[in-house]
Amino acid sequence: MPKVLVSDKLSPTAVQIFKDNGVEVDYLPDLGKDKDKLFEVIGQYDGLAIRSATKVTEKILSAATNLKVIGRAGIGVDNVDIPAATKKGIIVMNTPFGNSITTAEHAIAMMMALARQLPEADASTRASKWEKNRFMGVEVTHKTLGLIGAGNIGSIVADRAQGLKMKVIAYDPFLTPERAVELGVEKVELNDLLARADFITLHTPLIDATRNILNAETLAKTKKGVRIINCARGGLIDETALYEALKSGQVAGAALDVFLEEPAQDNPLFELPNVICTPHLGASTTEAQENVALQVAEQISAYLMTGEITNALNFPSISAEEAPIITPWVKLAEALGSFAGQLTETAISGIKLEFEGTPAGLNTRPMVAAAINGVLKPSLGDINMVSAPQIAKDRGIVVETTNRDQQGAYEGYIRLTVTTERQTRGVAGTLFANGKPRIIQVKDINMEAEITPHMLYVTNEDKPGHIGRLGTTLGALNINIANFNLGRAEVGGDAIALVSIDGTLDAAQLDQIAKLEGVKQAKALSF
């Protein structure tokens, strides 16, 4: 009988689920805070169920001689050393969708509190001031709510806001027109949203593209008197710029559940009367905590008793027998997806995967999940191979797969095609004898390029002198070239250069390359 340790406070119902599934369980909710004791006993257990208090460090894992799975009740796993767990073959799971309704409801509650100045009115009344005329609020009915991010939580906020008779507009580059219609929202560009929204609420991950998405420049473009709610991630808003906008009246008020530095202490925003602050309470409801606890118990039990893997962060859903054969193809699929995803800047409506030869005869589901993960990760950040297919479905992205026997020169290859509002882009790859993934075709242009950690992708006019100028420019920028791979469709048409480089390119360097004569697109890629 497998044995699980629950080292944080989880619902008693979760403990019963373990027992009902034939799993022996030790419920020691305070053990996670005692690193030495946890190190001493962890070797006895096959599974570990945690929340945020238990820190699963590399040292703890070094003593986990029997541990097979770690389950985090909740979405955040920054308290788990995932690379160290992966090296030891330990599956790390989370429960990514258990807090969605709770977080969405908190955003709506913050919006209502902001509209009617409830915290200040409460404090004033408790102080026996009875300042009835001081707290003049605004209605939300018929106001425009601007969503920055229309994924799982954002779509729930949209639904609740429509119930309040609000007009909902949304900025999300990966929101398809079809999904927008389904949600009943108007898809807009960011500048349009800023100009029109009476309330703005953020529901996007914190990635390079969204960091400080509300800054001095964008806040200046908002409708004067806008109210802003952030229950997503600290760092989406430039807090200094928000402070100034609140002081000037450009922003009438802000309701913040998340901050750049947490725990938030002595934050200048705390000084302002038109700011409502809560201590990252988005997931803090009885129902949400119960849901994630029950989910993690079910997931750990299923893995230990049947081998089923759900919501794993560090491994796709494949059996031990399949792993040695499938894993290299999974890595190729993810790399092809990442290649296309990093080059995609508009809403994705479809992802098509074609498996020919060797991979077509294998279990392609983990390859499909890996490819979708690769496509979406550059824009969504907080995503994994298990959650990616569901997120794609929620966003209205149609995923098609085709399997066929070997027809061409390669024993096996994978072709991935991404369809967006503006174009269709295809990329194909295969595995060489050493198991390393190679790109063999981009946009119907044949080429051969090893996928390396840092690459430069350039589309240019096929004219003499271009490659020389590109090489000279990279040299002048002190960028070392590891490999230079070229391809073209026809003489004088479009050509592609895939350059493996040592190190990364910054924005200024990339801009210099993009301005070279004949260059149509230049993009730095990381794998």
Protein backbone atom coordinates (compact mmCIF):
# COMPACT_ATOMS: atom_id res chain seq x y z
CA MET A 1 0.00 0.00 0.00
CA PRO A 2 1.50 3.38 -0.99
CA LYS A 3 1.97 5.92 1.78
CA VAL A 4 1.36 9.67 1.59
CA LEU A 5 2.39 12.46 3.95
CA VAL A 6 0.13 15.51 4.27
CA SER A 7 2.49 18.11 5.76
CA ASP A 8 0.24 21.19 5.51
CA LYS A 9 -3.33 21.93 6.57
CA LEU A 10 -5.67 20.19 4.13
CA SER A 11 -9.37 19.40 4.43
CA PRO A 12 -10.25 16.23 6.39
CA THR A 13 -12.24 15.21 3.31
CA ALA A 14 -8.98 15.10 1.33
CA VAL A 15 -7.50 12.73 3.91
CA GLN A 16 -10.56 10.50 3.55
CA ILE A 17 -10.14 10.46 -0.23
CA PHE A 18 -6.67 8.97 0.20
CA LYS A 19 -8.06 6.27 2.47
CA ASP A 20 -10.98 5.52 0.15
CA ASN A 21 -8.51 4.98 -2.69
CA GLY A 22 -6.44 2.49 -0.71
CA VAL A 23 -3.63 4.91 0.13
CA GLU A 24 -2.16 5.00 3.63
CA VAL A 25 -1.95 8.58 4.85
CA ASP A 26 -0.23 10.43 7.70
CA TYR A 27 -1.87 13.79 8.41
CA LEU A 28 0.77 15.97 10.10
CA PRO A 29 -0.28 19.53 9.16
CA ASP A 30 2.47 21.30 11.13
CA LEU A 31 5.36 19.13 9.95
CA GLY A 32 5.99 21.22 6.84
CA LYS A 33 7.24 24.11 8.96
CA ASP A 34 9.93 21.90 10.57
CA LYS A 35 12.60 21.37 7.87
CA ASP A 36 14.75 19.08 10.00
CA LYS A 37 11.87 16.80 10.93
CA LEU A 38 10.62 16.70 7.34
CA PHE A 39 14.12 15.76 6.17
CA GLU A 40 14.18 12.98 8.77
CA VAL A 41 10.87 11.33 7.80
CA ILE A 42 10.38 12.06 4.07
CA GLY A 43 12.14 8.85 3.04
CA GLN A 44 9.20 6.82 4.36
CA TYR A 45 6.69 8.21 1.86
CA ASP A 46 5.64 7.60 -1.74
CA GLY A 47 3.64 10.83 -1.99
CA LEU A 48 3.67 14.29 -0.45
CA ALA A 49 0.62 16.58 -0.33
CA ILE A 50 1.39 20.23 0.46
CA ARG A 51 0.19 23.80 0.36
CA SER A 52 2.52 26.80 0.63
CA ALA A 53 4.05 26.27 4.09
CA THR A 54 6.13 23.22 3.16
CA LYS A 55 9.35 24.07 1.31
CA VAL A 56 10.43 21.11 -0.81
CA THR A 57 14.08 21.98 -1.33
CA GLU A 58 16.86 20.05 -3.02
CA LYS A 59 18.07 19.01 0.43
CA ILE A 60 14.66 17.61 1.37
CA LEU A 61 14.48 15.78 -1.94
CA SER A 62 17.90 14.23 -1.37
CA ALA A 63 16.36 12.29 1.53
CA ALA A 64 13.18 11.39 -0.38
CA THR A 65 14.39 7.94 -1.39
CA ASN A 66 10.89 6.53 -2.06
CA LEU A 67 9.04 9.68 -3.11
CA LYS A 68 7.22 9.40 -6.45
CA VAL A 69 4.85 12.36 -6.49
CA ILE A 70 4.41 15.80 -4.93
CA GLY A 71 0.97 17.38 -5.10
CA ARG A 72 0.44 21.10 -4.46
CA ALA A 73 -3.09 22.09 -3.46
CA GLY A 74 -3.19 25.31 -5.47
CA ILE A 75 -1.47 26.71 -8.54
CA GLY A 76 1.80 28.19 -7.24
CA VAL A 77 4.74 25.80 -6.91
CA ASP A 78 7.53 28.24 -6.10
CA ASN A 79 8.01 26.31 -2.84
CA VAL A 80 9.03 23.19 -4.78
CA ASP A 81 12.41 22.73 -6.45
CA ILE A 82 10.96 21.32 -9.68
CA PRO A 83 14.30 20.79 -11.49
CA ALA A 84 15.61 18.80 -8.51
CA ALA A 85 12.40 16.77 -8.36
CA THR A 86 12.59 16.08 -12.08
CA LYS A 87 16.16 14.81 -11.79
CA LYS A 88 14.96 12.31 -9.18
CA GLY A 89 12.02 11.24 -11.35
CA ILE A 90 9.44 12.74 -8.98
CA ILE A 91 6.23 13.99 -10.57
CA VAL A 92 5.16 17.46 -9.42
CA MET A 93 1.43 18.21 -9.75
CA ASN A 94 -0.70 21.24 -9.00
CA THR A 95 -4.39 22.14 -9.27
CA PRO A 96 -4.44 25.02 -11.77
CA PHE A 97 -8.18 25.55 -12.14
CA GLY A 98 -9.45 25.21 -8.56
CA ASN A 99 -9.19 28.92 -7.68
CA SER A 100 -10.67 30.48 -10.83
CA ILE A 101 -14.17 31.33 -9.58
CA THR A 102 -12.87 32.60 -6.25
CA THR A 103 -10.33 34.91 -7.87
CA ALA A 104 -12.90 36.22 -10.35
CA GLU A 105 -15.37 36.92 -7.57
CA HIS A 106 -12.70 38.79 -5.61
CA ALA A 107 -12.09 41.04 -8.61
CA ILE A 108 -15.81 41.79 -8.84
CA ALA A 109 -15.97 42.46 -5.08
CA MET A 110 -13.00 44.83 -5.33
CA MET A 111 -14.65 46.65 -8.22
CA MET A 112 -17.87 47.17 -6.26
CA ALA A 113 -15.97 48.30 -3.14
CA LEU A 114 -14.01 50.76 -5.26
CA ALA A 115 -17.13 52.12 -6.97
CA ARG A 116 -18.81 52.86 -3.62
CA GLN A 117 -15.72 53.65 -1.48
CA LEU A 118 -16.79 51.01 1.02
CA PRO A 119 -13.59 50.63 3.11
CA GLU A 120 -13.30 54.38 3.74
CA ALA A 121 -17.00 54.74 4.43
CA ASP A 122 -16.80 51.87 6.90
CA ALA A 123 -13.84 53.41 8.73
CA SER A 124 -15.54 56.83 8.83
CA THR A 125 -18.78 55.43 10.21
CA ARG A 126 -16.95 53.38 12.86
CA ALA A 127 -15.28 56.63 13.91
CA SER A 128 -18.80 58.09 14.48
CA LYS A 129 -18.37 60.73 11.78
CA TRP A 130 -21.45 59.91 9.68
CA GLU A 131 -20.06 61.63 6.55
CA LYS A 132 -22.94 60.76 4.25
CA ASN A 133 -22.19 63.47 1.69
CA ARG A 134 -18.48 62.68 1.51
CA PHE A 135 -18.79 59.24 -0.06
CA MET A 136 -20.41 59.83 -3.43
CA GLY A 137 -19.93 56.66 -5.45
CA VAL A 138 -20.64 55.60 -9.01
CA GLU A 139 -22.86 52.90 -10.47
CA VAL A 140 -21.40 50.03 -12.46
CA THR A 141 -24.58 49.50 -14.46
CA HIS A 142 -24.05 50.46 -18.12
CA LYS A 143 -20.40 51.27 -17.46
CA THR A 144 -17.66 49.80 -19.66
CA LEU A 145 -15.41 47.19 -18.10
CA GLY A 146 -12.08 46.63 -19.85
CA LEU A 147 -10.51 43.21 -19.41
CA ILE A 148 -6.78 42.92 -19.95
CA GLY A 149 -6.63 39.17 -20.40
CA ALA A 150 -9.67 37.04 -21.26
CA GLY A 151 -8.53 33.57 -20.28
CA ASN A 152 -10.04 31.30 -17.64
CA ILE A 153 -10.47 33.89 -14.86
CA GLY A 154 -11.05 36.83 -17.19
CA SER A 155 -13.91 35.02 -18.92
CA ILE A 156 -15.62 34.39 -15.55
CA VAL A 157 -15.26 38.08 -14.67
CA ALA A 158 -16.83 38.96 -18.02
CA ASP A 159 -19.80 36.72 -17.30
CA ARG A 160 -20.35 38.22 -13.85
CA ALA A 161 -19.95 41.78 -15.14
CA GLN A 162 -22.54 41.18 -17.85
CA GLY A 163 -24.89 40.07 -15.09
CA LEU A 164 -24.36 43.53 -13.61
CA LYS A 165 -25.41 45.04 -16.96
CA MET A 166 -21.91 46.23 -17.81
CA LYS A 167 -20.50 46.55 -21.33
CA VAL A 168 -17.40 44.33 -21.49
CA ILE A 169 -14.48 44.92 -23.85
CA ALA A 170 -11.34 42.81 -23.85
CA TYR A 171 -7.72 43.13 -24.90
CA ASP A 172 -6.08 39.74 -25.38
CA PRO A 173 -3.91 39.05 -28.45
CA PHE A 174 -4.82 35.37 -28.24
CA LEU A 175 -8.56 35.83 -27.97
CA THR A 176 -10.12 34.64 -31.23
CA PRO A 177 -13.14 36.48 -32.70
CA GLU A 178 -15.20 33.32 -32.28
CA ARG A 179 -14.33 33.03 -28.60
CA ALA A 180 -15.09 36.73 -28.10
CA VAL A 181 -18.57 36.21 -29.53
CA GLU A 182 -19.05 33.18 -27.28
CA LEU A 183 -18.08 35.24 -24.23
CA GLY A 184 -20.24 38.18 -25.32
CA VAL A 185 -17.33 40.62 -25.22
CA GLU A 186 -15.95 43.05 -27.78
CA LYS A 187 -12.35 42.34 -28.69
CA VAL A 188 -10.30 45.54 -28.91
CA GLU A 189 -6.71 46.75 -29.06
CA LEU A 190 -5.09 47.99 -25.86
CA ASN A 191 -5.21 51.69 -26.76
CA ASP A 192 -8.93 51.41 -27.55
CA LEU A 193 -9.57 49.70 -24.22
CA LEU A 194 -7.64 52.39 -22.34
CA ALA A 195 -9.61 55.17 -23.99
CA ARG A 196 -13.05 53.62 -23.45
CA ALA A 197 -13.02 51.71 -20.16
CA ASP A 198 -14.59 53.11 -16.98
CA PHE A 199 -13.13 50.20 -15.03
CA ILE A 200 -10.06 48.14 -15.98
CA THR A 201 -9.32 44.74 -14.46
CA LEU A 202 -6.24 42.65 -15.19
CA HIS A 203 -6.26 38.88 -15.68
CA THR A 204 -3.02 37.98 -17.42
CA PRO A 205 0.15 36.17 -16.37
CA LEU A 206 3.30 38.14 -15.62
CA ILE A 207 5.60 37.66 -18.60
CA ASP A 208 7.90 40.01 -20.48
CA ALA A 209 5.06 41.14 -22.76
CA THR A 210 2.77 42.06 -19.84
CA ARG A 211 5.24 43.40 -17.27
CA ASN A 212 4.20 47.00 -16.44
CA ILE A 213 1.50 46.84 -19.10
CA LEU A 214 -0.06 49.73 -17.18
CA ASN A 215 2.73 52.29 -16.93
CA ALA A 216 3.08 56.07 -17.15
CA GLU A 217 2.55 56.03 -20.92
CA THR A 218 -0.49 53.73 -20.96
CA LEU A 219 -2.10 55.26 -17.88
CA ALA A 220 -1.97 58.64 -19.61
CA LYS A 221 -4.11 57.15 -22.39
CA THR A 222 -6.89 56.03 -20.07
CA LYS A 223 -10.23 57.77 -19.73
CA LYS A 224 -9.85 60.37 -16.98
CA GLY A 225 -11.33 59.00 -13.76
CA VAL A 226 -10.87 55.34 -14.64
CA ARG A 227 -10.84 52.79 -11.81
CA ILE A 228 -8.32 49.94 -11.90
CA ILE A 229 -8.49 46.48 -10.29
CA ASN A 230 -5.60 44.00 -10.13
CA CYS A 231 -6.14 40.55 -8.64
CA ALA A 232 -3.76 38.83 -11.05
CA ARG A 233 -0.02 39.44 -10.55
CA GLY A 234 2.12 42.13 -9.00
CA GLY A 235 4.32 43.68 -11.66
CA LEU A 236 1.56 44.12 -14.23
CA ILE A 237 1.23 47.72 -13.04
CA ASP A 238 4.09 50.18 -12.58
CA GLU A 239 3.29 51.12 -8.98
CA THR A 240 5.16 54.43 -9.13
CA ALA A 241 3.26 55.48 -12.24
CA LEU A 242 -0.02 54.38 -10.68
CA TYR A 243 0.75 56.45 -7.56
CA GLU A 244 1.24 59.58 -9.67
CA ALA A 245 -1.90 58.90 -11.74
CA LEU A 246 -3.95 58.47 -8.56
CA LYS A 247 -2.55 61.70 -7.11
CA SER A 248 -3.32 63.65 -10.28
CA GLY A 249 -6.85 62.30 -10.64
CA GLN A 250 -6.18 60.63 -13.99
CA VAL A 251 -7.05 57.41 -12.16
CA ALA A 252 -9.95 57.86 -9.73
CA GLY A 253 -9.16 54.78 -7.68
CA ALA A 254 -7.40 51.44 -7.58
CA ALA A 255 -8.15 48.14 -5.86
CA LEU A 256 -5.09 45.92 -5.50
CA ASP A 257 -4.82 42.37 -4.23
CA VAL A 258 -1.27 41.82 -5.54
CA PHE A 259 1.92 43.84 -5.37
CA LEU A 260 5.37 43.87 -6.92
CA GLU A 261 6.91 42.92 -3.57
CA GLU A 262 4.98 40.63 -1.23
CA PRO A 263 4.34 40.69 1.65
CA ALA A 264 3.67 44.35 0.82
CA GLN A 265 4.92 46.62 3.59
CA ASP A 266 5.26 50.41 3.71
CA ASN A 267 4.10 50.65 0.09
CA PRO A 268 3.54 54.32 -0.91
CA LEU A 269 0.15 53.32 -2.36
CA PHE A 270 -1.04 52.61 1.18
CA GLU A 271 -0.93 56.36 1.87
CA LEU A 272 -3.61 57.20 -0.69
CA PRO A 273 -7.27 57.32 0.33
CA ASN A 274 -8.48 56.22 -3.12
CA VAL A 275 -6.69 52.86 -2.97
CA ILE A 276 -8.12 49.61 -1.60
CA CYS A 277 -5.58 46.94 -0.66
CA THR A 278 -5.96 43.29 0.30
CA PRO A 279 -3.19 40.77 1.12
CA HIS A 280 -3.35 38.49 -1.95
CA LEU A 281 -6.75 37.05 -1.06
CA GLY A 282 -7.77 36.01 -4.57
CA ALA A 283 -7.85 32.29 -3.73
CA SER A 284 -8.88 32.67 -0.09
CA THR A 285 -12.35 31.19 0.22
CA THR A 286 -13.48 28.08 2.01
CA GLU A 287 -14.80 26.59 -1.22
CA ALA A 288 -11.61 27.19 -3.19
CA GLN A 289 -9.39 25.72 -0.49
CA GLU A 290 -11.68 22.69 -0.25
CA ASN A 291 -11.70 22.23 -4.03
CA VAL A 292 -7.93 22.27 -4.45
CA ALA A 293 -7.45 19.95 -1.47
CA LEU A 294 -9.87 17.37 -2.89
CA GLN A 295 -8.35 17.65 -6.35
CA VAL A 296 -4.78 17.10 -5.16
CA ALA A 297 -5.85 14.06 -3.13
CA GLU A 298 -7.59 12.54 -6.16
CA GLN A 299 -4.60 13.25 -8.42
CA ILE A 300 -1.99 11.79 -6.06
CA SER A 301 -4.15 8.72 -5.42
CA ALA A 302 -4.70 8.12 -9.13
CA TYR A 303 -1.00 8.32 -9.87
CA LEU A 304 0.06 6.03 -7.02
CA MET A 305 -2.67 3.44 -7.64
CA THR A 306 -3.03 3.43 -11.43
CA GLY A 307 -0.14 5.48 -12.86
CA GLU A 308 -2.49 8.17 -14.20
CA ILE A 309 -0.80 11.59 -14.42
CA THR A 310 -2.94 14.73 -14.19
CA ASN A 311 -1.79 18.36 -14.07
CA ALA A 312 1.87 17.41 -13.95
CA LEU A 313 4.27 20.33 -14.28
CA ASN A 314 7.39 18.41 -15.18
CA PHE A 315 6.30 15.41 -17.26
CA PRO A 316 3.72 14.57 -19.92
CA SER A 317 1.16 11.83 -19.51
CA ILE A 318 3.09 8.78 -20.68
CA SER A 319 3.83 5.40 -19.14
CA ALA A 320 7.23 4.16 -17.98
CA GLU A 321 7.41 1.75 -20.93
CA GLU A 322 6.72 4.48 -23.48
CA ALA A 323 9.01 7.13 -22.02
CA PRO A 324 12.38 6.24 -23.65
CA ILE A 325 10.82 6.14 -27.13
CA ILE A 326 8.34 8.99 -26.89
CA THR A 327 10.29 11.56 -24.86
CA PRO A 328 12.59 12.72 -27.71
CA TRP A 329 9.56 13.23 -29.97
CA VAL A 330 7.78 15.10 -27.16
CA LYS A 331 10.77 17.44 -26.88
CA LEU A 332 10.73 17.98 -30.66
CA ALA A 333 6.99 18.76 -30.62
CA GLU A 334 7.44 21.30 -27.83
CA ALA A 335 10.39 22.92 -29.63
CA LEU A 336 8.39 23.24 -32.86
CA GLY A 337 5.50 24.73 -30.89
CA SER A 338 7.84 27.17 -29.15
CA PHE A 339 9.34 28.14 -32.51
CA ALA A 340 5.89 28.99 -33.92
CA GLY A 341 4.66 30.54 -30.66
CA GLN A 342 7.55 32.94 -30.39
CA LEU A 343 6.88 34.15 -33.94
CA THR A 344 3.12 34.56 -33.40
CA GLU A 345 1.80 37.93 -32.28
CA THR A 346 -1.92 37.73 -33.04
CA ALA A 347 -4.85 35.57 -31.97
CA ILE A 348 -4.47 31.88 -32.76
CA SER A 349 -7.52 30.18 -34.21
CA GLY A 350 -6.05 26.79 -35.05
CA ILE A 351 -3.13 24.44 -34.45
CA LYS A 352 -2.61 21.51 -36.82
CA LEU A 353 -0.20 18.67 -36.15
CA GLU A 354 0.83 16.09 -38.73
CA PHE A 355 2.74 12.98 -37.62
CA GLU A 356 4.38 10.91 -40.31
CA GLY A 357 6.30 7.66 -40.01
CA THR A 358 7.78 6.78 -36.60
CA PRO A 359 5.90 9.26 -34.37
CA ALA A 360 2.59 8.39 -36.05
CA GLY A 361 2.87 4.87 -34.64
CA LEU A 362 3.36 6.10 -31.07
CA ASN A 363 1.06 7.62 -28.47
CA THR A 364 0.79 11.12 -29.94
CA ARG A 365 -1.27 12.66 -27.11
CA PRO A 366 1.74 13.82 -25.08
CA MET A 367 3.30 15.18 -28.30
CA VAL A 368 0.14 17.15 -29.03
CA ALA A 369 0.04 18.50 -25.46
CA ALA A 370 3.74 19.42 -25.65
CA ALA A 371 3.26 21.21 -28.97
CA ILE A 372 0.29 23.24 -27.69
CA ASN A 373 2.27 24.09 -24.57
CA GLY A 374 5.14 25.29 -26.73
CA VAL A 375 2.86 27.48 -28.86
CA LEU A 376 1.03 29.12 -25.94
CA LYS A 377 3.79 29.42 -23.33
CA PRO A 378 5.48 32.50 -24.86
CA SER A 379 2.25 34.45 -24.38
CA LEU A 380 0.69 32.83 -21.33
CA GLY A 381 3.70 31.90 -19.23
CA ASP A 382 1.91 29.99 -16.43
CA ILE A 383 1.01 26.86 -18.39
CA ASN A 384 2.09 23.23 -18.62
CA MET A 385 1.67 20.23 -20.89
CA VAL A 386 -1.42 19.06 -19.06
CA SER A 387 -3.25 22.37 -18.77
CA ALA A 388 -2.33 23.55 -22.30
CA PRO A 389 -5.00 21.52 -24.23
CA GLN A 390 -7.77 22.72 -21.92
CA ILE A 391 -6.58 26.32 -22.14
CA ALA A 392 -6.51 26.05 -25.94
CA LYS A 393 -10.05 24.69 -25.89
CA ASP A 394 -11.24 27.44 -23.55
CA ARG A 395 -9.79 30.03 -25.94
CA GLY A 396 -11.58 28.54 -28.92
CA ILE A 397 -8.39 27.26 -30.58
CA VAL A 398 -9.16 24.31 -32.85
CA VAL A 399 -6.52 21.56 -32.61
CA GLU A 400 -6.31 19.04 -35.47
CA THR A 401 -4.07 16.01 -35.75
CA THR A 402 -3.24 13.73 -38.69
CA ASN A 403 -1.29 10.45 -38.56
CA ARG A 404 0.11 8.77 -41.67
CA ASP A 405 2.72 6.23 -42.71
CA GLN A 406 6.13 7.24 -43.98
CA GLN A 407 5.96 8.83 -47.42
CA GLY A 408 9.05 11.01 -47.78
CA ALA A 409 12.78 10.76 -47.21
CA TYR A 410 12.59 10.90 -43.41
CA GLU A 411 11.68 7.87 -41.29
CA GLY A 412 9.54 10.16 -39.21
CA TYR A 413 8.76 13.84 -38.75
CA ILE A 414 6.29 16.23 -37.17
CA ARG A 415 4.78 19.21 -38.95
CA LEU A 416 3.08 21.96 -36.93
CA THR A 417 0.91 24.64 -38.54
CA VAL A 418 -0.44 27.63 -36.62
CA THR A 419 -3.33 29.63 -38.06
CA THR A 420 -3.89 33.19 -36.85
CA GLU A 421 -6.08 36.10 -37.86
CA ARG A 422 -3.42 37.24 -40.33
CA GLN A 423 -1.56 34.20 -41.61
CA THR A 424 -0.74 30.51 -41.51
CA ARG A 425 2.78 29.50 -40.47
CA GLY A 426 4.15 25.97 -40.69
CA VAL A 427 7.31 24.39 -39.31
CA ALA A 428 8.48 20.77 -39.53
CA GLY A 429 11.14 18.83 -37.68
CA THR A 430 12.64 15.41 -37.21
CA LEU A 431 15.06 13.53 -34.97
CA PHE A 432 18.52 12.61 -36.16
CA ALA A 433 20.33 9.45 -35.06
CA ASN A 434 21.69 11.15 -31.95
CA GLY A 435 18.14 11.99 -30.82
CA LYS A 436 18.63 15.73 -31.28
CA PRO A 437 15.71 17.65 -32.81
CA ARG A 438 16.20 19.36 -36.17
CA ILE A 439 14.08 21.82 -38.10
CA ILE A 440 13.69 20.64 -41.70
CA GLN A 441 11.15 23.07 -43.08
CA VAL A 442 9.83 26.58 -42.31
CA LYS A 443 6.96 28.12 -44.28
CA ASP A 444 7.35 25.42 -47.00
CA ILE A 445 11.04 26.31 -47.36
CA ASN A 446 13.30 23.30 -46.93
CA MET A 447 16.34 23.69 -44.70
CA GLU A 448 18.19 21.83 -41.98
CA ALA A 449 18.91 23.45 -38.62
CA GLU A 450 19.73 22.03 -35.22
CA ILE A 451 17.59 23.58 -32.48
CA THR A 452 19.92 25.34 -30.05
CA PRO A 453 19.25 27.42 -26.89
CA HIS A 454 19.60 30.79 -28.66
CA MET A 455 18.70 31.42 -32.29
CA LEU A 456 18.06 34.33 -34.64
CA TYR A 457 15.26 33.97 -37.19
CA VAL A 458 15.38 36.30 -40.19
CA THR A 459 13.06 36.48 -43.20
CA ASN A 460 14.52 38.51 -46.04
CA GLU A 461 14.43 39.14 -49.77
CA ASP A 462 16.65 36.70 -51.64
CA LYS A 463 19.17 39.18 -53.00
CA PRO A 464 22.98 39.13 -53.17
CA GLY A 465 24.81 40.65 -50.23
CA HIS A 466 22.20 40.11 -47.55
CA ILE A 467 23.94 37.24 -45.78
CA GLY A 468 27.22 39.14 -45.81
CA ARG A 469 25.57 42.19 -44.24
CA LEU A 470 23.87 40.04 -41.61
CA GLY A 471 27.11 38.29 -40.68
CA THR A 472 29.02 41.58 -40.55
CA THR A 473 26.34 43.16 -38.35
CA LEU A 474 26.37 40.24 -35.91
CA GLY A 475 30.14 40.51 -35.73
CA ALA A 476 29.94 44.23 -35.07
CA LEU A 477 27.45 43.51 -32.27
CA ASN A 478 29.93 41.03 -30.77
CA ILE A 479 27.50 38.14 -31.31
CA ASN A 480 29.28 34.87 -32.04
CA ILE A 481 27.72 32.64 -34.72
CA ALA A 482 27.62 28.91 -33.94
CA ASN A 483 25.71 27.78 -37.06
CA PHE A 484 24.26 29.56 -40.08
CA ASN A 485 21.36 27.79 -41.84
CA LEU A 486 19.72 29.09 -45.00
CA GLY A 487 16.75 28.25 -47.19
CA ARG A 488 14.64 29.80 -49.94
CA ALA A 489 11.53 28.96 -51.91
CA GLU A 490 12.73 30.31 -55.25
CA VAL A 491 15.36 32.60 -56.68
CA GLY A 492 14.51 36.20 -55.85
CA GLY A 493 11.67 35.25 -53.50
CA ASP A 494 11.59 35.02 -49.75
CA ALA A 495 14.57 33.48 -47.98
CA ILE A 496 15.05 32.41 -44.38
CA ALA A 497 18.14 32.44 -42.19
CA LEU A 498 18.21 30.46 -38.93
CA VAL A 499 21.33 31.42 -37.02
CA SER A 500 22.49 29.66 -33.87
CA ILE A 501 24.22 32.24 -31.68
CA ASP A 502 26.09 32.30 -28.39
CA GLY A 503 24.07 34.33 -25.92
CA THR A 504 21.00 36.50 -26.34
CA LEU A 505 20.14 39.59 -28.36
CA ASP A 506 18.74 42.67 -26.65
CA ALA A 507 16.03 44.87 -28.18
CA ALA A 508 18.49 47.44 -29.54
CA GLN A 509 20.62 44.78 -31.24
CA LEU A 510 17.56 43.12 -32.75
CA ASP A 511 16.29 46.48 -34.00
CA GLN A 512 19.61 47.07 -35.76
CA ILE A 513 19.31 43.72 -37.54
CA ALA A 514 15.67 44.39 -38.46
CA LYS A 515 16.71 47.62 -40.19
CA LEU A 516 19.13 45.86 -42.55
CA GLU A 517 18.25 46.21 -46.24
CA GLY A 518 15.87 43.49 -47.39
CA VAL A 519 14.93 42.21 -43.93
CA LYS A 520 11.20 41.59 -43.50
CA GLN A 521 11.27 40.06 -40.02
CA ALA A 522 13.92 39.49 -37.37
CA LYS A 523 13.19 37.62 -34.17
CA ALA A 524 15.34 36.30 -31.33
CA LEU A 525 14.29 32.80 -30.25
CA SER A 526 15.09 30.91 -27.05
CA PHE A 527 14.63 27.19 -26.41
